[in-house]
Amino acid sequence: MGTMLIQAGLESENSPEEWDIQHPEKVCSVHRQYIQAGSQIILTNSFGGISLMLGLHQLGNRVFELNLAAAEIARTEADAADHLVLVINKNSLFV
């Protein structure tokens, strides 16, 4: 996910998780590419979606909001797929 978002324009000083709010269409596109390639499981764009990591970008108070947005985006793309796609959010515990 991170590498593909960088290719879509994410810069190293920005939070990938904030892109779920700022650029949801780009995050959707990454999920769609994985699904079109045959993925049956996709991970939400929430790898660093914990208060410690988000705090590095002054987003520590937005943990729930950003993880929820990540899950909603992934679920929307999974529901639109022509095959069963499971969505996994590694941050099931919002710290």
N, C-alpha and C. Protein backbone atom coordinates (compact mmCIF):
# COMPACT_ATOMS: atom_id res chain seq x y z
N MET A 1 0.83 -1.19 0.00
CA MET A 1 0.00 0.00 0.00
C MET A 1 0.87 1.25 0.00
N GLY A 2 1.83 1.31 0.92
CA GLY A 2 2.67 2.50 1.02
C GLY A 2 3.42 2.82 -0.25
N THR A 3 4.02 1.81 -0.85
CA THR A 3 4.77 2.01 -2.09
C THR A 3 3.86 2.52 -3.19
N MET A 4 2.67 1.96 -3.28
CA MET A 4 1.74 2.38 -4.33
C MET A 4 1.22 3.80 -4.07
N LEU A 5 1.04 4.17 -2.81
CA LEU A 5 0.62 5.54 -2.51
C LEU A 5 1.73 6.54 -2.83
N ILE A 6 2.98 6.15 -2.58
CA ILE A 6 4.11 7.01 -2.95
C ILE A 6 4.11 7.21 -4.46
N GLN A 7 3.87 6.16 -5.21
CA GLN A 7 3.79 6.28 -6.67
C GLN A 7 2.64 7.18 -7.10
N ALA A 8 1.59 7.27 -6.25
CA ALA A 8 0.43 8.11 -6.55
C ALA A 8 0.63 9.55 -6.07
N GLY A 9 1.78 9.82 -5.41
CA GLY A 9 2.09 11.19 -5.03
C GLY A 9 2.27 11.45 -3.55
N LEU A 10 2.10 10.45 -2.71
CA LEU A 10 2.33 10.63 -1.28
C LEU A 10 3.79 10.97 -1.04
N GLU A 11 4.03 12.01 -0.27
CA GLU A 11 5.39 12.41 0.05
C GLU A 11 5.76 11.91 1.43
N SER A 12 7.05 11.68 1.66
CA SER A 12 7.53 11.02 2.88
C SER A 12 7.15 11.76 4.16
N GLU A 13 6.96 13.05 4.08
CA GLU A 13 6.61 13.80 5.29
C GLU A 13 5.12 13.75 5.61
N ASN A 14 4.32 13.14 4.75
CA ASN A 14 2.87 13.04 4.96
C ASN A 14 2.49 11.68 5.53
N SER A 15 1.38 11.66 6.22
CA SER A 15 0.86 10.42 6.80
C SER A 15 0.01 9.68 5.76
N PRO A 16 0.33 8.43 5.46
CA PRO A 16 -0.50 7.65 4.53
C PRO A 16 -1.94 7.54 5.04
N GLU A 17 -2.11 7.45 6.35
CA GLU A 17 -3.44 7.31 6.92
C GLU A 17 -4.29 8.56 6.70
N GLU A 18 -3.67 9.72 6.68
CA GLU A 18 -4.43 10.94 6.43
C GLU A 18 -4.97 10.99 5.00
N TRP A 19 -4.32 10.24 4.11
CA TRP A 19 -4.80 10.18 2.72
C TRP A 19 -6.18 9.52 2.64
N ASP A 20 -6.56 8.73 3.64
CA ASP A 20 -7.90 8.15 3.65
C ASP A 20 -8.96 9.24 3.69
N ILE A 21 -8.60 10.40 4.24
CA ILE A 21 -9.51 11.55 4.31
C ILE A 21 -9.22 12.54 3.17
N GLN A 22 -7.95 12.81 2.92
CA GLN A 22 -7.57 13.83 1.94
C GLN A 22 -7.66 13.35 0.49
N HIS A 23 -7.33 12.09 0.24
CA HIS A 23 -7.29 11.56 -1.13
C HIS A 23 -7.90 10.16 -1.19
N PRO A 24 -9.16 10.02 -0.79
CA PRO A 24 -9.75 8.67 -0.76
C PRO A 24 -9.79 8.00 -2.12
N GLU A 25 -9.87 8.80 -3.18
CA GLU A 25 -9.92 8.22 -4.53
C GLU A 25 -8.61 7.51 -4.88
N LYS A 26 -7.49 8.01 -4.37
CA LYS A 26 -6.20 7.38 -4.64
C LYS A 26 -6.06 6.09 -3.83
N VAL A 27 -6.55 6.10 -2.61
CA VAL A 27 -6.52 4.89 -1.78
C VAL A 27 -7.44 3.84 -2.39
N CYS A 28 -8.62 4.26 -2.84
CA CYS A 28 -9.55 3.34 -3.52
C CYS A 28 -8.90 2.71 -4.74
N SER A 29 -8.17 3.51 -5.48
CA SER A 29 -7.51 3.01 -6.69
C SER A 29 -6.52 1.90 -6.36
N VAL A 30 -5.77 2.06 -5.26
CA VAL A 30 -4.80 1.04 -4.87
C VAL A 30 -5.54 -0.25 -4.51
N HIS A 31 -6.59 -0.13 -3.71
CA HIS A 31 -7.37 -1.32 -3.36
C HIS A 31 -7.92 -2.00 -4.61
N ARG A 32 -8.44 -1.19 -5.51
CA ARG A 32 -9.03 -1.72 -6.75
C ARG A 32 -7.99 -2.48 -7.57
N GLN A 33 -6.77 -1.96 -7.62
CA GLN A 33 -5.71 -2.64 -8.37
C GLN A 33 -5.40 -4.00 -7.77
N TYR A 34 -5.34 -4.07 -6.44
CA TYR A 34 -5.12 -5.36 -5.79
C TYR A 34 -6.26 -6.33 -6.08
N ILE A 35 -7.48 -5.84 -6.01
CA ILE A 35 -8.65 -6.69 -6.24
C ILE A 35 -8.68 -7.17 -7.69
N GLN A 36 -8.42 -6.27 -8.62
CA GLN A 36 -8.41 -6.64 -10.04
C GLN A 36 -7.30 -7.64 -10.35
N ALA A 37 -6.25 -7.63 -9.55
CA ALA A 37 -5.16 -8.60 -9.73
C ALA A 37 -5.50 -9.95 -9.11
N GLY A 38 -6.67 -10.03 -8.45
CA GLY A 38 -7.13 -11.29 -7.91
C GLY A 38 -7.04 -11.45 -6.40
N SER A 39 -6.66 -10.39 -5.70
CA SER A 39 -6.57 -10.49 -4.25
C SER A 39 -7.91 -10.84 -3.64
N GLN A 40 -7.87 -11.72 -2.67
CA GLN A 40 -9.08 -12.10 -1.94
C GLN A 40 -9.09 -11.51 -0.54
N ILE A 41 -7.97 -10.93 -0.15
CA ILE A 41 -7.84 -10.24 1.14
C ILE A 41 -7.11 -8.93 0.87
N ILE A 42 -7.66 -7.83 1.38
CA ILE A 42 -6.96 -6.55 1.30
C ILE A 42 -6.82 -5.99 2.70
N LEU A 43 -5.73 -5.26 2.91
CA LEU A 43 -5.48 -4.60 4.19
C LEU A 43 -5.87 -3.14 4.08
N THR A 44 -6.46 -2.62 5.14
CA THR A 44 -6.81 -1.20 5.15
C THR A 44 -5.53 -0.36 5.12
N ASN A 45 -5.68 0.88 4.68
CA ASN A 45 -4.55 1.81 4.68
C ASN A 45 -4.43 2.39 6.08
N SER A 46 -3.98 1.56 7.01
CA SER A 46 -3.90 1.97 8.41
C SER A 46 -2.68 1.40 9.11
N PHE A 47 -1.63 1.13 8.35
CA PHE A 47 -0.44 0.50 8.91
C PHE A 47 0.09 1.26 10.12
N GLY A 48 0.14 2.57 10.02
CA GLY A 48 0.63 3.40 11.13
C GLY A 48 -0.51 4.07 11.87
N GLY A 49 -1.67 3.45 11.88
CA GLY A 49 -2.87 4.06 12.44
C GLY A 49 -3.02 3.93 13.94
N ILE A 50 -1.94 4.10 14.68
CA ILE A 50 -2.00 4.09 16.14
C ILE A 50 -1.56 5.46 16.64
N SER A 51 -1.94 5.79 17.87
CA SER A 51 -1.69 7.15 18.37
C SER A 51 -0.21 7.52 18.34
N LEU A 52 0.66 6.57 18.65
CA LEU A 52 2.10 6.87 18.65
C LEU A 52 2.57 7.30 17.26
N MET A 53 2.24 6.53 16.25
CA MET A 53 2.68 6.84 14.88
C MET A 53 1.98 8.07 14.34
N LEU A 54 0.67 8.15 14.53
CA LEU A 54 -0.06 9.31 14.03
C LEU A 54 0.37 10.59 14.75
N GLY A 55 0.80 10.45 15.99
CA GLY A 55 1.30 11.60 16.75
C GLY A 55 2.50 12.26 16.09
N LEU A 56 3.28 11.50 15.36
CA LEU A 56 4.44 12.06 14.65
C LEU A 56 4.00 13.07 13.59
N HIS A 57 2.73 12.99 13.19
CA HIS A 57 2.18 13.92 12.19
C HIS A 57 1.12 14.82 12.83
N GLN A 58 1.13 14.93 14.15
CA GLN A 58 0.15 15.70 14.90
C GLN A 58 -1.28 15.23 14.62
N LEU A 59 -1.46 13.92 14.46
CA LEU A 59 -2.76 13.33 14.18
C LEU A 59 -3.17 12.32 15.25
N GLY A 60 -2.47 12.31 16.36
CA GLY A 60 -2.71 11.32 17.40
C GLY A 60 -4.12 11.35 17.97
N ASN A 61 -4.79 12.47 17.88
CA ASN A 61 -6.16 12.57 18.38
C ASN A 61 -7.20 12.13 17.35
N ARG A 62 -6.75 11.64 16.19
CA ARG A 62 -7.67 11.25 15.11
C ARG A 62 -7.59 9.75 14.79
N VAL A 63 -7.12 8.96 15.74
CA VAL A 63 -6.92 7.53 15.52
C VAL A 63 -8.20 6.85 15.04
N PHE A 64 -9.28 7.02 15.77
CA PHE A 64 -10.53 6.36 15.42
C PHE A 64 -11.02 6.83 14.05
N GLU A 65 -11.05 8.13 13.82
CA GLU A 65 -11.53 8.70 12.56
C GLU A 65 -10.76 8.15 11.36
N LEU A 66 -9.43 8.11 11.45
CA LEU A 66 -8.61 7.68 10.33
C LEU A 66 -8.72 6.18 10.09
N ASN A 67 -8.79 5.40 11.17
CA ASN A 67 -8.96 3.95 11.00
C ASN A 67 -10.33 3.62 10.44
N LEU A 68 -11.35 4.33 10.88
CA LEU A 68 -12.69 4.12 10.36
C LEU A 68 -12.75 4.45 8.87
N ALA A 69 -12.16 5.57 8.49
CA ALA A 69 -12.13 5.95 7.07
C ALA A 69 -11.41 4.89 6.24
N ALA A 70 -10.30 4.39 6.76
CA ALA A 70 -9.53 3.35 6.05
C ALA A 70 -10.38 2.10 5.85
N ALA A 71 -11.11 1.71 6.88
CA ALA A 71 -11.95 0.52 6.80
C ALA A 71 -13.11 0.73 5.82
N GLU A 72 -13.72 1.89 5.86
CA GLU A 72 -14.85 2.18 4.96
C GLU A 72 -14.42 2.17 3.50
N ILE A 73 -13.27 2.76 3.23
CA ILE A 73 -12.76 2.79 1.85
C ILE A 73 -12.50 1.38 1.34
N ALA A 74 -11.80 0.59 2.13
CA ALA A 74 -11.48 -0.78 1.72
C ALA A 74 -12.75 -1.61 1.56
N ARG A 75 -13.69 -1.46 2.48
CA ARG A 75 -14.93 -2.24 2.42
C ARG A 75 -15.73 -1.87 1.18
N THR A 76 -15.77 -0.61 0.81
CA THR A 76 -16.48 -0.17 -0.40
C THR A 76 -15.90 -0.84 -1.63
N GLU A 77 -14.59 -0.87 -1.73
CA GLU A 77 -13.94 -1.50 -2.89
C GLU A 77 -14.16 -3.01 -2.87
N ALA A 78 -14.09 -3.62 -1.70
CA ALA A 78 -14.31 -5.06 -1.59
C ALA A 78 -15.73 -5.42 -2.00
N ASP A 79 -16.70 -4.61 -1.59
CA ASP A 79 -18.10 -4.88 -1.93
C ASP A 79 -18.37 -4.74 -3.42
N ALA A 80 -17.58 -3.93 -4.10
CA ALA A 80 -17.76 -3.72 -5.54
C ALA A 80 -17.07 -4.80 -6.38
N ALA A 81 -16.28 -5.64 -5.74
CA ALA A 81 -15.52 -6.67 -6.46
C ALA A 81 -16.44 -7.74 -7.04
N ASP A 82 -15.95 -8.41 -8.07
CA ASP A 82 -16.72 -9.50 -8.68
C ASP A 82 -16.44 -10.85 -8.02
N HIS A 83 -15.68 -10.83 -6.92
CA HIS A 83 -15.43 -12.03 -6.13
C HIS A 83 -15.36 -11.63 -4.66
N LEU A 84 -15.41 -12.61 -3.79
CA LEU A 84 -15.36 -12.35 -2.35
C LEU A 84 -14.01 -11.78 -1.97
N VAL A 85 -14.03 -10.65 -1.28
CA VAL A 85 -12.81 -10.01 -0.80
C VAL A 85 -12.99 -9.69 0.68
N LEU A 86 -12.08 -10.20 1.49
CA LEU A 86 -12.09 -9.89 2.91
C LEU A 86 -11.26 -8.64 3.17
N VAL A 87 -11.69 -7.85 4.13
CA VAL A 87 -10.96 -6.64 4.52
C VAL A 87 -10.40 -6.85 5.91
N ILE A 88 -9.11 -6.61 6.07
CA ILE A 88 -8.44 -6.75 7.35
C ILE A 88 -7.90 -5.39 7.77
N ASN A 89 -8.19 -5.01 9.01
CA ASN A 89 -7.63 -3.80 9.60
C ASN A 89 -6.73 -4.27 10.73
N LYS A 90 -5.43 -4.18 10.53
CA LYS A 90 -4.49 -4.67 11.54
C LYS A 90 -4.61 -3.92 12.85
N ASN A 91 -5.23 -2.75 12.83
CA ASN A 91 -5.38 -1.94 14.04
C ASN A 91 -6.78 -2.13 14.62
N SER A 92 -7.14 -3.37 14.88
CA SER A 92 -8.46 -3.62 15.39
C SER A 92 -8.64 -3.07 16.80
N LEU A 93 -7.55 -2.82 17.48
CA LEU A 93 -7.60 -2.15 18.77
C LEU A 93 -7.13 -0.73 18.56
N PHE A 94 -8.00 0.23 18.75
CA PHE A 94 -7.63 1.63 18.53
C PHE A 94 -6.93 2.16 19.76
N VAL A 95 -5.63 2.36 19.63
CA VAL A 95 -4.80 2.83 20.75
C VAL A 95 -4.85 4.35 20.81
